[in-house]
Amino acid sequence: MNDAPPAGPGDDGARCSAKGCQAAATTALSWRNPRLHDAARVKRWLACDEHADFLADFLRRRDFLLARDVLT
């Protein structure tokens, strides 16, 4: 039996970065902590539909969010 969630948009095996979530990622969040990283360093979190707004808001409140892109 396969316990993986059903495939969804952007499902190329990429999974959500939210703690404990194994859902397929549908959104990419690019971010950087400017106090620790120079402009060349960009980190990326992946998010499912359920967690995309939460993770983006978390980064936005800290002024870390650079871009939010839908995965195809």
C-alpha atoms as a PDB file:
ATOM      1  CA  MET A   1       0.000   0.000   0.000  1.00  0.00           C
ATOM      2  CA  ASN A   2       1.292   3.466  -0.935  1.00  0.00           C
ATOM      3  CA  ASP A   3       0.866   5.982   1.936  1.00  0.00           C
ATOM      4  CA  ALA A   4       1.995   8.956  -0.149  1.00  0.00           C
ATOM      5  CA  PRO A   5      -0.606  11.656  -0.814  1.00  0.00           C
ATOM      6  CA  PRO A   6      -2.079  11.802  -4.291  1.00  0.00           C
ATOM      7  CA  ALA A   7      -0.108  13.635  -6.945  1.00  0.00           C
ATOM      8  CA  GLY A   8      -1.053  17.240  -7.502  1.00  0.00           C
ATOM      9  CA  PRO A   9      -0.004  20.292  -9.519  1.00  0.00           C
ATOM     10  CA  GLY A  10       3.741  20.592  -9.802  1.00  0.00           C
ATOM     11  CA  ASP A  11       4.258  17.094  -8.396  1.00  0.00           C
ATOM     12  CA  ASP A  12       7.658  16.000  -9.611  1.00  0.00           C
ATOM     13  CA  GLY A  13       8.454  14.395  -6.269  1.00  0.00           C
ATOM     14  CA  ALA A  14       8.934  17.774  -4.561  1.00  0.00           C
ATOM     15  CA  ARG A  15       7.264  17.909  -1.155  1.00  0.00           C
ATOM     16  CA  CYS A  16       6.067  20.710   1.103  1.00  0.00           C
ATOM     17  CA  SER A  17       8.647  22.222   3.493  1.00  0.00           C
ATOM     18  CA  ALA A  18       6.139  22.617   6.336  1.00  0.00           C
ATOM     19  CA  LYS A  19       7.071  20.460   9.326  1.00  0.00           C
ATOM     20  CA  GLY A  20       5.542  17.003   9.023  1.00  0.00           C
ATOM     21  CA  CYS A  21       3.809  17.678   5.709  1.00  0.00           C
ATOM     22  CA  GLN A  22       4.362  15.221   2.862  1.00  0.00           C
ATOM     23  CA  ALA A  23       1.973  16.795   0.349  1.00  0.00           C
ATOM     24  CA  ALA A  24       3.096  17.668  -3.164  1.00  0.00           C
ATOM     25  CA  ALA A  25       4.542  21.163  -3.478  1.00  0.00           C
ATOM     26  CA  THR A  26       2.592  23.653  -5.597  1.00  0.00           C
ATOM     27  CA  THR A  27       4.394  26.882  -4.628  1.00  0.00           C
ATOM     28  CA  ALA A  28       8.034  27.946  -4.379  1.00  0.00           C
ATOM     29  CA  LEU A  29       8.981  30.633  -1.864  1.00  0.00           C
ATOM     30  CA  SER A  30      12.343  32.315  -2.443  1.00  0.00           C
ATOM     31  CA  TRP A  31      13.783  34.084   0.573  1.00  0.00           C
ATOM     32  CA  ARG A  32      16.878  35.443   2.284  1.00  0.00           C
ATOM     33  CA  ASN A  33      17.767  36.776   5.720  1.00  0.00           C
ATOM     34  CA  PRO A  34      19.638  39.978   4.760  1.00  0.00           C
ATOM     35  CA  ARG A  35      21.397  40.093   8.148  1.00  0.00           C
ATOM     36  CA  LEU A  36      23.025  36.713   7.462  1.00  0.00           C
ATOM     37  CA  HIS A  37      23.183  36.337   3.678  1.00  0.00           C
ATOM     38  CA  ASP A  38      24.411  38.557   0.863  1.00  0.00           C
ATOM     39  CA  ALA A  39      22.225  39.243  -2.188  1.00  0.00           C
ATOM     40  CA  ALA A  40      23.650  36.238  -4.057  1.00  0.00           C
ATOM     41  CA  ARG A  41      22.342  33.778  -1.432  1.00  0.00           C
ATOM     42  CA  VAL A  42      18.699  32.837  -1.989  1.00  0.00           C
ATOM     43  CA  LYS A  43      17.006  30.005  -0.131  1.00  0.00           C
ATOM     44  CA  ARG A  44      13.897  28.210  -1.356  1.00  0.00           C
ATOM     45  CA  TRP A  45      11.042  26.607   0.495  1.00  0.00           C
ATOM     46  CA  LEU A  46       8.402  24.545  -1.251  1.00  0.00           C
ATOM     47  CA  ALA A  47       4.800  24.585  -0.078  1.00  0.00           C
ATOM     48  CA  CYS A  48       1.573  22.731  -0.732  1.00  0.00           C
ATOM     49  CA  ASP A  49      -1.711  24.616  -1.212  1.00  0.00           C
ATOM     50  CA  GLU A  50      -2.556  24.208   2.483  1.00  0.00           C
ATOM     51  CA  HIS A  51       0.704  25.721   3.787  1.00  0.00           C
ATOM     52  CA  ALA A  52       1.674  28.263   1.083  1.00  0.00           C
ATOM     53  CA  ASP A  53      -0.054  31.254   2.700  1.00  0.00           C
ATOM     54  CA  PHE A  54       1.192  30.368   6.186  1.00  0.00           C
ATOM     55  CA  LEU A  55       4.834  29.972   5.102  1.00  0.00           C
ATOM     56  CA  ALA A  56       4.719  33.099   2.900  1.00  0.00           C
ATOM     57  CA  ASP A  57       3.257  35.138   5.773  1.00  0.00           C
ATOM     58  CA  PHE A  58       5.952  33.810   8.143  1.00  0.00           C
ATOM     59  CA  LEU A  59       8.671  35.004   5.744  1.00  0.00           C
ATOM     60  CA  ARG A  60       6.906  38.277   4.872  1.00  0.00           C
ATOM     61  CA  ARG A  61       6.566  39.304   8.540  1.00  0.00           C
ATOM     62  CA  ARG A  62      10.342  38.996   8.890  1.00  0.00           C
ATOM     63  CA  ASP A  63      10.925  40.843   5.607  1.00  0.00           C
ATOM     64  CA  PHE A  64      12.643  37.729   4.174  1.00  0.00           C
ATOM     65  CA  LEU A  65      10.283  36.877   1.298  1.00  0.00           C
ATOM     66  CA  LEU A  66      11.702  37.671  -2.123  1.00  0.00           C
ATOM     67  CA  ALA A  67       9.290  35.858  -4.465  1.00  0.00           C
ATOM     68  CA  ARG A  68       6.328  33.496  -4.498  1.00  0.00           C
ATOM     69  CA  ASP A  69       5.987  31.365  -7.614  1.00  0.00           C
ATOM     70  CA  VAL A  70       3.459  28.742  -8.658  1.00  0.00           C
ATOM     71  CA  LEU A  71       5.052  25.462  -9.697  1.00  0.00           C
ATOM     72  CA  THR A  72       3.818  23.970 -12.961  1.00  0.00           C
END
